[in-house]
Structures are given as C-alpha cells and as structure tokens.
Protein backbone atom coordinates (compact mmCIF):
# COMPACT_ATOMS: atom_id res chain seq x y z
CA MET A 1 -64.81 155.41 100.14
CA ILE A 2 -64.05 153.63 103.15
CA ASP A 3 -61.15 151.50 101.60
CA LEU A 4 -59.84 154.49 100.22
CA THR A 5 -59.73 156.10 103.18
CA TRP A 6 -57.62 153.14 105.05
CA LYS A 7 -55.49 153.15 102.17
CA VAL A 8 -54.24 156.94 102.43
CA PHE A 9 -53.94 156.64 106.43
CA SER A 10 -51.75 153.34 105.62
CA GLN A 11 -49.59 154.79 103.67
CA THR A 12 -49.07 158.20 105.15
CA GLY A 13 -50.04 157.45 109.22
CA ASN A 14 -51.58 161.17 108.90
CA ILE A 15 -54.59 160.81 111.81
CA GLU A 16 -56.71 163.48 110.20
CA THR A 17 -57.18 160.46 107.88
CA TYR A 18 -58.15 157.66 110.32
CA LEU A 19 -60.25 160.54 112.10
CA LEU A 20 -62.30 160.46 108.74
CA LEU A 21 -62.31 156.71 108.24
CA LYS A 22 -63.78 156.34 112.19
CA GLU A 23 -66.70 158.59 110.98
CA LEU A 24 -66.81 156.95 108.14
CA GLU A 25 -67.20 153.57 109.83
CA ASN A 26 -69.79 155.23 112.32
CA ALA A 27 -71.81 156.65 109.83
CA THR A 28 -72.29 153.09 107.97
CA SER A 29 -73.03 151.26 110.81
CA GLN A 30 -75.86 153.89 111.83
CA GLN A 31 -77.34 153.71 108.45
CA GLU A 32 -77.48 149.77 108.92
CA PHE A 33 -79.19 150.04 112.07
CA GLY A 34 -81.47 152.50 110.57
CA GLN A 35 -80.04 155.58 113.51
CA THR A 36 -79.97 159.13 112.70
CA GLU A 37 -77.42 161.21 113.49
CA ALA A 38 -79.39 162.84 116.01
CA GLU A 39 -80.20 159.14 117.87
CA ALA A 40 -76.91 158.10 117.50
CA THR A 41 -75.37 161.33 119.54
CA LEU A 42 -77.67 161.06 122.43
CA ASP A 43 -77.03 157.19 122.61
CA ALA A 44 -73.74 158.35 122.96
CA ASN A 45 -74.38 160.57 125.40
CA ILE A 46 -75.92 158.54 127.36
C-alpha cells in the first residue's frame, strides 16, 4: 500500500497523497514497535 501511495504522489505531486503516505508509514512503524495509536499520540504530545 505504501508503494502505491508513493507512486501516486511521485506522479501527481498531490500533497494529500503525501500526507496519506506519511500516515501509513507512521501506522506501520507503530505496529512494528507494538504501540497503539493512543500510546503514539501520548508520546507525540510529550
């Protein structure tokens, strides 16, 4: 999914597609480290 999103962004330059890509990357990295979305939000706010 990330590869497809990057391909669309690189071809269109659409900033919303880039933001979606970053959200997907963030969600993927959170899963790898075992964090829930709530924990990640708390970490970001600290």
